[in-house]
Amino acid sequence: TITENASTRYPARQRAICRFGEVEKGTTAMTRATVTKSSGNIFRDLAFSDEKSAELILKSNLLQAIQDIVKSQGWKQVEAAIQLGIDQAKIAKLMAGQMAGFFIERLVHFLSLLAQDVVVTVR
């Protein structure tokens, strides 16, 4: 058996890579970040208009429902793509949470293909 410790195997790492409170020459120490309480709508917090924010919230809810169904069915991406009538690359984007390129109507259509009813409430 071969036994060696990190100091003999990696001699260049004799000292710790980073020490608390240590700042390399030419850099500045990190400052404390300002934390702002969320309004409950991440898109509004990111300065999207009320209209765009509502659209993105709806799309993200629809997308989450699709992701949940695909996961609960245990489908591979290819199987989910067949169910939705799209290619595997598009289902990969959906599963990664990429909403760009998917209109609300299309996401609703996908849910109907998955035997889901979609109810939108206006307040």
N, C-alpha and C. Protein backbone atom coordinates (compact mmCIF):
# COMPACT_ATOMS: atom_id res chain seq x y z
N THR A 1 0.84 -1.19 0.00
CA THR A 1 0.00 0.00 0.00
C THR A 1 0.87 1.24 0.00
N ILE A 2 0.36 2.25 -0.66
CA ILE A 2 1.06 3.53 -0.72
C ILE A 2 0.37 4.50 0.21
N THR A 3 1.14 5.09 1.10
CA THR A 3 0.57 6.09 2.00
C THR A 3 1.44 7.34 1.91
N GLU A 4 0.79 8.43 1.69
CA GLU A 4 1.49 9.71 1.71
C GLU A 4 0.49 10.77 2.13
N ASN A 5 0.99 11.82 2.73
CA ASN A 5 0.08 12.87 3.14
C ASN A 5 0.11 14.00 2.12
N ALA A 6 -0.76 14.94 2.30
CA ALA A 6 -0.91 16.02 1.32
C ALA A 6 0.36 16.86 1.19
N SER A 7 1.12 17.02 2.26
CA SER A 7 2.32 17.87 2.18
C SER A 7 3.42 17.22 1.34
N THR A 8 3.48 15.90 1.31
CA THR A 8 4.49 15.26 0.46
C THR A 8 3.99 15.08 -0.96
N ARG A 9 2.73 14.89 -1.11
CA ARG A 9 2.16 14.70 -2.45
C ARG A 9 2.05 16.01 -3.19
N TYR A 10 1.71 17.07 -2.49
CA TYR A 10 1.54 18.39 -3.09
C TYR A 10 2.44 19.38 -2.37
N PRO A 11 3.75 19.36 -2.63
CA PRO A 11 4.67 20.21 -1.86
C PRO A 11 4.43 21.70 -2.04
N ALA A 12 3.84 22.11 -3.14
CA ALA A 12 3.58 23.54 -3.36
C ALA A 12 2.54 24.08 -2.38
N ARG A 13 1.76 23.20 -1.77
CA ARG A 13 0.70 23.62 -0.86
C ARG A 13 1.13 23.49 0.59
N GLN A 14 2.27 23.97 0.93
CA GLN A 14 2.75 23.87 2.29
C GLN A 14 1.92 24.72 3.25
N ARG A 15 1.42 25.86 2.76
CA ARG A 15 0.61 26.70 3.63
C ARG A 15 -0.85 26.65 3.19
N ALA A 16 -1.71 27.07 4.04
CA ALA A 16 -3.14 27.07 3.73
C ALA A 16 -3.40 27.95 2.50
N ILE A 17 -4.37 27.56 1.72
CA ILE A 17 -4.71 28.31 0.52
C ILE A 17 -5.26 29.68 0.89
N CYS A 18 -6.07 29.74 1.91
CA CYS A 18 -6.68 31.01 2.31
C CYS A 18 -6.87 30.99 3.82
N ARG A 19 -6.55 32.06 4.43
CA ARG A 19 -6.76 32.18 5.88
C ARG A 19 -7.77 33.27 6.14
N PHE A 20 -8.58 33.05 7.14
CA PHE A 20 -9.58 34.04 7.50
C PHE A 20 -8.91 35.37 7.82
N GLY A 21 -9.40 36.42 7.20
CA GLY A 21 -8.89 37.75 7.48
C GLY A 21 -7.64 38.11 6.68
N GLU A 22 -7.11 37.17 5.91
CA GLU A 22 -5.91 37.43 5.12
C GLU A 22 -6.31 37.94 3.75
N VAL A 23 -5.67 39.00 3.31
CA VAL A 23 -5.97 39.57 2.00
C VAL A 23 -4.68 39.63 1.21
N GLU A 24 -4.72 39.13 -0.02
CA GLU A 24 -3.53 39.17 -0.86
C GLU A 24 -3.20 40.61 -1.22
N LYS A 25 -1.93 40.85 -1.53
CA LYS A 25 -1.51 42.18 -1.94
C LYS A 25 -2.21 42.55 -3.24
N GLY A 26 -2.65 43.79 -3.32
CA GLY A 26 -3.32 44.26 -4.53
C GLY A 26 -4.80 44.00 -4.59
N THR A 27 -5.36 43.34 -3.56
CA THR A 27 -6.81 43.11 -3.53
C THR A 27 -7.38 43.78 -2.30
N THR A 28 -8.67 43.88 -2.28
CA THR A 28 -9.33 44.49 -1.13
C THR A 28 -10.16 43.45 -0.40
N ALA A 29 -10.35 43.67 0.85
CA ALA A 29 -11.15 42.75 1.66
C ALA A 29 -12.61 42.85 1.24
N MET A 30 -13.33 41.75 1.40
CA MET A 30 -14.75 41.76 1.08
C MET A 30 -15.49 42.65 2.07
N THR A 31 -16.50 43.32 1.57
CA THR A 31 -17.33 44.13 2.45
C THR A 31 -18.66 43.42 2.65
N ARG A 32 -19.34 43.81 3.68
CA ARG A 32 -20.62 43.20 3.99
C ARG A 32 -21.65 43.62 2.94
N ALA A 33 -22.42 42.66 2.44
CA ALA A 33 -23.44 42.92 1.44
C ALA A 33 -24.69 43.49 2.11
N THR A 34 -25.38 44.33 1.38
CA THR A 34 -26.65 44.85 1.85
C THR A 34 -27.74 43.87 1.46
N VAL A 35 -28.58 43.51 2.39
CA VAL A 35 -29.66 42.57 2.15
C VAL A 35 -30.97 43.33 2.23
N THR A 36 -31.78 43.17 1.19
CA THR A 36 -33.08 43.83 1.14
C THR A 36 -34.17 42.77 1.20
N LYS A 37 -35.17 42.98 2.02
CA LYS A 37 -36.27 42.02 2.13
C LYS A 37 -37.04 41.99 0.82
N SER A 38 -37.40 40.79 0.38
CA SER A 38 -38.13 40.60 -0.87
C SER A 38 -39.57 41.08 -0.73
N SER A 39 -40.12 41.51 -1.84
CA SER A 39 -41.52 41.90 -1.87
C SER A 39 -42.42 40.66 -2.00
N GLY A 40 -41.78 39.50 -2.22
CA GLY A 40 -42.55 38.28 -2.47
C GLY A 40 -42.64 37.97 -3.95
N ASN A 41 -42.17 38.89 -4.79
CA ASN A 41 -42.17 38.70 -6.23
C ASN A 41 -40.76 38.99 -6.72
N ILE A 42 -40.01 37.93 -6.98
CA ILE A 42 -38.60 38.08 -7.36
C ILE A 42 -38.43 38.93 -8.62
N PHE A 43 -39.37 38.83 -9.54
CA PHE A 43 -39.24 39.58 -10.79
C PHE A 43 -39.47 41.07 -10.58
N ARG A 44 -40.37 41.41 -9.68
CA ARG A 44 -40.57 42.82 -9.34
C ARG A 44 -39.34 43.35 -8.61
N ASP A 45 -38.78 42.52 -7.73
CA ASP A 45 -37.57 42.90 -7.02
C ASP A 45 -36.41 43.15 -7.98
N LEU A 46 -36.42 42.45 -9.12
CA LEU A 46 -35.37 42.62 -10.12
C LEU A 46 -35.69 43.74 -11.11
N ALA A 47 -36.68 44.57 -10.77
CA ALA A 47 -37.05 45.79 -11.52
C ALA A 47 -37.76 45.53 -12.84
N PHE A 48 -38.42 44.36 -12.97
CA PHE A 48 -39.28 44.16 -14.12
C PHE A 48 -40.57 44.95 -13.89
N SER A 49 -41.20 45.36 -14.99
CA SER A 49 -42.48 46.07 -14.87
C SER A 49 -43.51 45.14 -14.26
N ASP A 50 -44.61 45.71 -13.75
CA ASP A 50 -45.66 44.87 -13.16
C ASP A 50 -46.20 43.88 -14.18
N GLU A 51 -46.37 44.32 -15.42
CA GLU A 51 -46.91 43.45 -16.47
C GLU A 51 -45.95 42.30 -16.77
N LYS A 52 -44.68 42.62 -16.98
CA LYS A 52 -43.68 41.59 -17.28
C LYS A 52 -43.48 40.67 -16.08
N SER A 53 -43.52 41.23 -14.89
CA SER A 53 -43.38 40.45 -13.68
C SER A 53 -44.50 39.42 -13.56
N ALA A 54 -45.72 39.83 -13.82
CA ALA A 54 -46.87 38.91 -13.76
C ALA A 54 -46.72 37.80 -14.80
N GLU A 55 -46.26 38.16 -15.98
CA GLU A 55 -46.05 37.17 -17.04
C GLU A 55 -44.99 36.15 -16.62
N LEU A 56 -43.90 36.63 -16.05
CA LEU A 56 -42.82 35.73 -15.66
C LEU A 56 -43.21 34.83 -14.49
N ILE A 57 -44.00 35.36 -13.56
CA ILE A 57 -44.50 34.53 -12.46
C ILE A 57 -45.39 33.42 -13.01
N LEU A 58 -46.29 33.76 -13.93
CA LEU A 58 -47.17 32.76 -14.52
C LEU A 58 -46.36 31.70 -15.27
N LYS A 59 -45.41 32.15 -16.09
CA LYS A 59 -44.57 31.20 -16.83
C LYS A 59 -43.79 30.30 -15.89
N SER A 60 -43.25 30.86 -14.82
CA SER A 60 -42.46 30.03 -13.91
C SER A 60 -43.34 29.01 -13.18
N ASN A 61 -44.57 29.38 -12.85
CA ASN A 61 -45.50 28.42 -12.22
C ASN A 61 -45.86 27.29 -13.18
N LEU A 62 -46.13 27.64 -14.44
CA LEU A 62 -46.44 26.63 -15.45
C LEU A 62 -45.25 25.71 -15.67
N LEU A 63 -44.08 26.31 -15.77
CA LEU A 63 -42.86 25.53 -15.97
C LEU A 63 -42.61 24.58 -14.80
N GLN A 64 -42.81 25.07 -13.58
CA GLN A 64 -42.64 24.22 -12.40
C GLN A 64 -43.59 23.04 -12.43
N ALA A 65 -44.82 23.26 -12.86
CA ALA A 65 -45.80 22.17 -12.94
C ALA A 65 -45.35 21.12 -13.96
N ILE A 66 -44.84 21.56 -15.09
CA ILE A 66 -44.34 20.61 -16.10
C ILE A 66 -43.17 19.82 -15.54
N GLN A 67 -42.24 20.50 -14.91
CA GLN A 67 -41.08 19.83 -14.32
C GLN A 67 -41.52 18.80 -13.28
N ASP A 68 -42.46 19.17 -12.43
CA ASP A 68 -42.94 18.26 -11.39
C ASP A 68 -43.56 17.00 -11.98
N ILE A 69 -44.34 17.15 -13.05
CA ILE A 69 -44.99 16.00 -13.68
C ILE A 69 -43.96 15.08 -14.32
N VAL A 70 -43.03 15.67 -15.05
CA VAL A 70 -41.99 14.87 -15.71
C VAL A 70 -41.19 14.09 -14.67
N LYS A 71 -40.83 14.75 -13.58
CA LYS A 71 -40.06 14.08 -12.52
C LYS A 71 -40.89 12.99 -11.84
N SER A 72 -42.16 13.30 -11.54
CA SER A 72 -43.00 12.31 -10.85
C SER A 72 -43.27 11.08 -11.72
N GLN A 73 -43.29 11.26 -13.04
CA GLN A 73 -43.48 10.13 -13.95
C GLN A 73 -42.20 9.32 -14.11
N GLY A 74 -41.08 9.93 -13.70
CA GLY A 74 -39.80 9.24 -13.84
C GLY A 74 -39.32 9.15 -15.28
N TRP A 75 -39.82 10.05 -16.11
CA TRP A 75 -39.44 10.03 -17.53
C TRP A 75 -38.04 10.55 -17.75
N LYS A 76 -37.36 9.95 -18.69
CA LYS A 76 -36.12 10.51 -19.19
C LYS A 76 -36.52 11.65 -20.13
N GLN A 77 -35.56 12.51 -20.45
CA GLN A 77 -35.88 13.66 -21.31
C GLN A 77 -36.45 13.24 -22.65
N VAL A 78 -35.95 12.17 -23.21
CA VAL A 78 -36.44 11.69 -24.51
C VAL A 78 -37.91 11.27 -24.39
N GLU A 79 -38.24 10.59 -23.30
CA GLU A 79 -39.62 10.16 -23.09
C GLU A 79 -40.55 11.36 -22.91
N ALA A 80 -40.11 12.35 -22.13
CA ALA A 80 -40.91 13.55 -21.92
C ALA A 80 -41.09 14.31 -23.24
N ALA A 81 -40.03 14.36 -24.03
CA ALA A 81 -40.11 15.05 -25.33
C ALA A 81 -41.15 14.39 -26.23
N ILE A 82 -41.22 13.08 -26.22
CA ILE A 82 -42.21 12.36 -27.03
C ILE A 82 -43.62 12.71 -26.55
N GLN A 83 -43.82 12.73 -25.23
CA GLN A 83 -45.13 13.07 -24.67
C GLN A 83 -45.58 14.47 -25.08
N LEU A 84 -44.62 15.41 -25.15
CA LEU A 84 -44.94 16.81 -25.44
C LEU A 84 -44.83 17.14 -26.93
N GLY A 85 -44.33 16.21 -27.72
CA GLY A 85 -44.21 16.44 -29.16
C GLY A 85 -43.12 17.45 -29.51
N ILE A 86 -42.06 17.47 -28.71
CA ILE A 86 -40.95 18.39 -28.97
C ILE A 86 -39.65 17.58 -28.96
N ASP A 87 -38.55 18.22 -29.34
CA ASP A 87 -37.29 17.50 -29.33
C ASP A 87 -36.66 17.52 -27.94
N GLN A 88 -35.69 16.65 -27.75
CA GLN A 88 -35.06 16.49 -26.44
C GLN A 88 -34.35 17.76 -26.00
N ALA A 89 -33.80 18.52 -26.93
CA ALA A 89 -33.10 19.76 -26.57
C ALA A 89 -34.05 20.76 -25.90
N LYS A 90 -35.29 20.81 -26.39
CA LYS A 90 -36.26 21.73 -25.79
C LYS A 90 -36.69 21.27 -24.40
N ILE A 91 -36.86 19.97 -24.23
CA ILE A 91 -37.23 19.49 -22.89
C ILE A 91 -36.07 19.71 -21.92
N ALA A 92 -34.85 19.62 -22.41
CA ALA A 92 -33.69 19.88 -21.56
C ALA A 92 -33.72 21.33 -21.07
N LYS A 93 -34.10 22.25 -21.95
CA LYS A 93 -34.21 23.66 -21.55
C LYS A 93 -35.32 23.84 -20.52
N LEU A 94 -36.45 23.19 -20.75
CA LEU A 94 -37.56 23.29 -19.79
C LEU A 94 -37.15 22.75 -18.43
N MET A 95 -36.48 21.61 -18.43
CA MET A 95 -36.08 21.00 -17.16
C MET A 95 -35.00 21.81 -16.44
N ALA A 96 -34.26 22.62 -17.21
CA ALA A 96 -33.24 23.48 -16.61
C ALA A 96 -33.83 24.82 -16.18
N GLY A 97 -35.14 25.00 -16.40
CA GLY A 97 -35.80 26.23 -15.96
C GLY A 97 -35.65 27.40 -16.92
N GLN A 98 -35.27 27.13 -18.14
CA GLN A 98 -35.11 28.20 -19.13
C GLN A 98 -36.46 28.49 -19.77
N MET A 99 -37.01 29.66 -19.45
CA MET A 99 -38.33 30.03 -19.95
C MET A 99 -38.28 30.73 -21.30
N ALA A 100 -37.13 31.27 -21.65
CA ALA A 100 -37.01 32.02 -22.90
C ALA A 100 -37.37 31.12 -24.08
N GLY A 101 -38.17 31.65 -24.97
CA GLY A 101 -38.55 30.90 -26.16
C GLY A 101 -39.83 30.09 -25.98
N PHE A 102 -40.40 30.10 -24.78
CA PHE A 102 -41.64 29.37 -24.53
C PHE A 102 -42.71 30.37 -24.13
N PHE A 103 -43.73 30.50 -24.96
CA PHE A 103 -44.85 31.39 -24.66
C PHE A 103 -45.78 30.70 -23.66
N ILE A 104 -46.55 31.51 -22.96
CA ILE A 104 -47.50 30.99 -21.97
C ILE A 104 -48.44 29.97 -22.63
N GLU A 105 -48.93 30.30 -23.81
CA GLU A 105 -49.85 29.41 -24.51
C GLU A 105 -49.24 28.03 -24.75
N ARG A 106 -47.96 28.02 -25.08
CA ARG A 106 -47.29 26.75 -25.35
C ARG A 106 -47.12 25.94 -24.07
N LEU A 107 -46.79 26.59 -22.99
CA LEU A 107 -46.66 25.89 -21.71
C LEU A 107 -48.00 25.31 -21.26
N VAL A 108 -49.08 26.08 -21.46
CA VAL A 108 -50.42 25.59 -21.15
C VAL A 108 -50.75 24.38 -22.02
N HIS A 109 -50.38 24.44 -23.30
CA HIS A 109 -50.60 23.31 -24.22
C HIS A 109 -49.85 22.07 -23.73
N PHE A 110 -48.60 22.24 -23.30
CA PHE A 110 -47.84 21.11 -22.77
C PHE A 110 -48.56 20.49 -21.57
N LEU A 111 -49.08 21.32 -20.69
CA LEU A 111 -49.80 20.80 -19.53
C LEU A 111 -51.07 20.06 -19.94
N SER A 112 -51.75 20.54 -20.97
CA SER A 112 -52.94 19.82 -21.44
C SER A 112 -52.56 18.47 -22.03
N LEU A 113 -51.39 18.39 -22.69
CA LEU A 113 -50.91 17.12 -23.20
C LEU A 113 -50.57 16.16 -22.06
N LEU A 114 -50.28 16.71 -20.90
CA LEU A 114 -49.97 15.91 -19.72
C LEU A 114 -51.22 15.68 -18.86
N ALA A 115 -52.40 15.91 -19.46
CA ALA A 115 -53.70 15.68 -18.81
C ALA A 115 -53.90 16.55 -17.59
N GLN A 116 -53.45 17.79 -17.66
CA GLN A 116 -53.60 18.73 -16.56
C GLN A 116 -54.56 19.85 -16.97
N ASP A 117 -55.36 20.31 -16.02
CA ASP A 117 -56.20 21.49 -16.22
C ASP A 117 -55.45 22.67 -15.67
N VAL A 118 -55.50 23.78 -16.40
CA VAL A 118 -54.82 25.00 -15.96
C VAL A 118 -55.89 26.02 -15.63
N VAL A 119 -55.81 26.58 -14.42
CA VAL A 119 -56.74 27.61 -13.98
C VAL A 119 -55.92 28.85 -13.65
N VAL A 120 -56.26 29.96 -14.28
CA VAL A 120 -55.58 31.22 -14.02
C VAL A 120 -56.54 32.12 -13.24
N THR A 121 -56.09 32.62 -12.12
CA THR A 121 -56.91 33.49 -11.28
C THR A 121 -56.43 34.91 -11.44
N VAL A 122 -57.37 35.82 -11.72
CA VAL A 122 -57.03 37.24 -11.84
C VAL A 122 -57.48 37.93 -10.57
N ARG A 123 -56.56 38.70 -9.94
CA ARG A 123 -56.90 39.41 -8.70
C ARG A 123 -56.87 40.89 -8.94
